[in-house]
C-alpha atoms as a PDB file:
ATOM      1  CA  MET A   1      -1.913  24.723  15.408  1.00  0.00           C
ATOM      2  CA  ASP A   2       1.288  22.704  15.678  1.00  0.00           C
ATOM      3  CA  ALA A   3      -0.664  19.444  15.972  1.00  0.00           C
ATOM      4  CA  ALA A   4      -2.648  20.270  12.825  1.00  0.00           C
ATOM      5  CA  VAL A   5       0.530  20.940  10.843  1.00  0.00           C
ATOM      6  CA  GLN A   6       2.168  17.729  12.075  1.00  0.00           C
ATOM      7  CA  THR A   7      -0.976  15.769  11.264  1.00  0.00           C
ATOM      8  CA  SER A   8      -1.103  17.238   7.750  1.00  0.00           C
ATOM      9  CA  GLU A   9       2.561  16.412   7.169  1.00  0.00           C
ATOM     10  CA  ALA A  10       2.047  12.835   8.353  1.00  0.00           C
ATOM     11  CA  MET A  11      -1.003  12.443   6.104  1.00  0.00           C
ATOM     12  CA  LEU A  12       0.883  13.811   3.097  1.00  0.00           C
ATOM     13  CA  LYS A  13       3.818  11.472   3.750  1.00  0.00           C
ATOM     14  CA  ALA A  14       1.499   8.474   4.178  1.00  0.00           C
ATOM     15  CA  THR A  15      -0.384   9.296   0.983  1.00  0.00           C
ATOM     16  CA  GLY A  16       2.886   9.554  -0.921  1.00  0.00           C
ATOM     17  CA  SER A  17       4.133   6.219   0.447  1.00  0.00           C
ATOM     18  CA  LEU A  18       0.879   4.501  -0.448  1.00  0.00           C
ATOM     19  CA  ALA A  19       0.838   5.973  -3.968  1.00  0.00           C
ATOM     20  CA  GLU A  20       4.454   4.906  -4.507  1.00  0.00           C
ATOM     21  CA  GLU A  21       3.760   1.364  -3.306  1.00  0.00           C
ATOM     22  CA  LEU A  22       0.629   0.936  -5.430  1.00  0.00           C
ATOM     23  CA  THR A  23       2.309   2.357  -8.537  1.00  0.00           C
ATOM     24  CA  SER A  24       5.286   0.052  -8.082  1.00  0.00           C
ATOM     25  CA  PHE A  25       3.008  -2.951  -7.600  1.00  0.00           C
ATOM     26  CA  ALA A  26       0.929  -2.103 -10.667  1.00  0.00           C
ATOM     27  CA  TYR A  27       4.090  -1.796 -12.758  1.00  0.00           C
ATOM     28  CA  ARG A  28       5.429  -5.167 -11.558  1.00  0.00           C
ATOM     29  CA  ARG A  29       2.117  -6.934 -12.160  1.00  0.00           C
ATOM     30  CA  LEU A  30       1.708  -5.390 -15.625  1.00  0.00           C
ATOM     31  CA  HIS A  31       5.221  -6.534 -16.523  1.00  0.00           C
ATOM     32  CA  THR A  32       4.412 -10.071 -15.308  1.00  0.00           C
ATOM     33  CA  ASP A  33       1.103 -10.081 -17.192  1.00  0.00           C
ATOM     34  CA  ILE A  34       2.818  -9.049 -20.433  1.00  0.00           C
ATOM     35  CA  GLU A  35       5.564 -11.659 -20.022  1.00  0.00           C
ATOM     36  CA  THR A  36       2.988 -14.370 -19.391  1.00  0.00           C
ATOM     37  CA  GLY A  37       1.047 -13.308 -22.482  1.00  0.00           C
ATOM     38  CA  ARG A  38       4.232 -13.462 -24.552  1.00  0.00           C
ATOM     39  CA  SER A  39       5.018 -16.920 -23.201  1.00  0.00           C
ATOM     40  CA  LEU A  40       1.536 -18.133 -24.075  1.00  0.00           C
ATOM     41  CA  MET A  41       1.733 -16.729 -27.596  1.00  0.00           C
ATOM     42  CA  SER A  42       5.211 -18.121 -28.275  1.00  0.00           C
ATOM     43  CA  SER A  43       4.583 -21.576 -26.846  1.00  0.00           C
ATOM     44  CA  PRO A  44       3.822 -24.401 -29.248  1.00  0.00           C
ATOM     45  CA  ASN A  45       0.261 -25.613 -29.573  1.00  0.00           C
ATOM     46  CA  ASP A  46       0.631 -27.753 -26.447  1.00  0.00           C
ATOM     47  CA  LEU A  47      -2.577 -27.448 -24.440  1.00  0.00           C
ATOM     48  CA  GLY A  48      -1.013 -29.013 -21.339  1.00  0.00           C
ATOM     49  CA  GLU A  49       1.816 -26.492 -21.332  1.00  0.00           C
ATOM     50  CA  ALA A  50      -0.615 -23.581 -21.796  1.00  0.00           C
ATOM     51  CA  ILE A  51      -2.773 -24.793 -18.906  1.00  0.00           C
ATOM     52  CA  ASP A  52       0.311 -25.215 -16.711  1.00  0.00           C
ATOM     53  CA  LEU A  53       1.525 -21.708 -17.587  1.00  0.00           C
ATOM     54  CA  GLN A  54      -1.882 -20.192 -16.820  1.00  0.00           C
ATOM     55  CA  GLY A  55      -2.073 -22.123 -13.537  1.00  0.00           C
ATOM     56  CA  ARG A  56       1.325 -20.810 -12.441  1.00  0.00           C
ATOM     57  CA  PHE A  57       0.314 -17.319 -13.528  1.00  0.00           C
ATOM     58  CA  ALA A  58      -2.887 -17.475 -11.462  1.00  0.00           C
ATOM     59  CA  ALA A  59      -1.100 -18.847  -8.384  1.00  0.00           C
ATOM     60  CA  ASP A  60       1.610 -16.173  -8.629  1.00  0.00           C
ATOM     61  CA  ALA A  61      -1.004 -13.435  -9.104  1.00  0.00           C
ATOM     62  CA  VAL A  62      -2.954 -14.532  -6.025  1.00  0.00           C
ATOM     63  CA  ARG A  63       0.265 -14.629  -3.980  1.00  0.00           C
ATOM     64  CA  ASP A  64       1.348 -11.196  -5.266  1.00  0.00           C
ATOM     65  CA  TYR A  65      -2.024  -9.602  -4.515  1.00  0.00           C
ATOM     66  CA  LEU A  66      -2.137 -11.089  -1.009  1.00  0.00           C
ATOM     67  CA  GLU A  67       1.379  -9.822  -0.294  1.00  0.00           C
ATOM     68  CA  GLU A  68       0.433  -6.396  -1.618  1.00  0.00           C
ATOM     69  CA  MET A  69      -2.703  -6.301   0.532  1.00  0.00           C
ATOM     70  CA  THR A  70      -0.497  -7.028   3.544  1.00  0.00           C
ATOM     71  CA  LYS A  71       1.883  -4.196   2.614  1.00  0.00           C
ATOM     72  CA  VAL A  72      -0.987  -1.755   2.052  1.00  0.00           C
ATOM     73  CA  ALA A  73      -2.625  -2.723   5.351  1.00  0.00           C
ATOM     74  CA  SER A  74       0.697  -2.193   7.117  1.00  0.00           C
ATOM     75  CA  LEU A  75       1.146   1.205   5.470  1.00  0.00           C
ATOM     76  CA  GLY A  76      -2.402   2.131   6.474  1.00  0.00           C
ATOM     77  CA  ALA A  77      -1.863   1.086  10.076  1.00  0.00           C
ATOM     78  CA  GLN A  78       1.370   3.052  10.288  1.00  0.00           C
ATOM     79  CA  ALA A  79      -0.314   6.058   8.693  1.00  0.00           C
ATOM     80  CA  SER A  80      -3.075   5.938  11.286  1.00  0.00           C
ATOM     81  CA  LEU A  81      -0.533   5.936  14.090  1.00  0.00           C
ATOM     82  CA  ASP A  82       1.500   8.731  12.524  1.00  0.00           C
ATOM     83  CA  VAL A  83      -1.516  10.912  11.728  1.00  0.00           C
ATOM     84  CA  TRP A  84      -3.214  10.586  15.108  1.00  0.00           C
ATOM     85  CA  ALA A  85      -0.086  10.854  17.289  1.00  0.00           C
ATOM     86  CA  PRO A  86       0.158  14.676  17.173  1.00  0.00           C
ATOM     87  CA  LEU A  87      -3.558  15.061  17.901  1.00  0.00           C
ATOM     88  CA  GLN A  88      -3.394  12.563  20.741  1.00  0.00           C
ATOM     89  CA  ASP A  89      -0.390  14.364  22.213  1.00  0.00           C
ATOM     90  CA  PHE A  90      -2.187  17.693  21.959  1.00  0.00           C
ATOM     91  CA  SER A  91      -5.356  16.358  23.582  1.00  0.00           C
ATOM     92  CA  MET A  92      -3.358  14.831  26.441  1.00  0.00           C
ATOM     93  CA  ARG A  93      -1.519  18.106  27.027  1.00  0.00           C
ATOM     94  CA  LEU A  94      -4.847  19.946  26.887  1.00  0.00           C
ATOM     95  CA  ALA A  95      -6.366  17.562  29.431  1.00  0.00           C
ATOM     96  CA  ARG A  96      -3.434  18.084  31.776  1.00  0.00           C
ATOM     97  CA  GLY A  97      -3.797  21.848  31.512  1.00  0.00           C
ATOM     98  CA  LYS A  98      -0.445  22.269  29.717  1.00  0.00           C
ATOM     99  CA  VAL A  99      -2.121  24.037  26.809  1.00  0.00           C
ATOM    100  CA  ALA A 100      -4.057  27.262  27.120  1.00  0.00           C
ATOM    101  CA  ARG A 101      -7.692  26.735  26.231  1.00  0.00           C
ATOM    102  CA  PRO A 102      -9.105  29.131  23.665  1.00  0.00           C
ATOM    103  CA  SER A 103     -11.338  31.772  25.137  1.00  0.00           C
END
């Protein structure tokens, strides 16, 4: 029972961390998207400048999304370790006969 509770707590913590990270990322990207849109609308009718601004925006977006994917993958890997650790510990204790088997 203890392993199940620890596993549930680890899953809840991991879900919260992931939700917080994704919400923060979405907020930052939305802010950047809005600022880029404002810059495009307020720039003079210079096609070269608009293309340069959009190119920088696209490059920054790709970089940001790749960095975020790395963070999310790291959070997922840590969550897997945290969630399975109590169950692995329980199964090892069970295999060694340190836990009474249910009858």
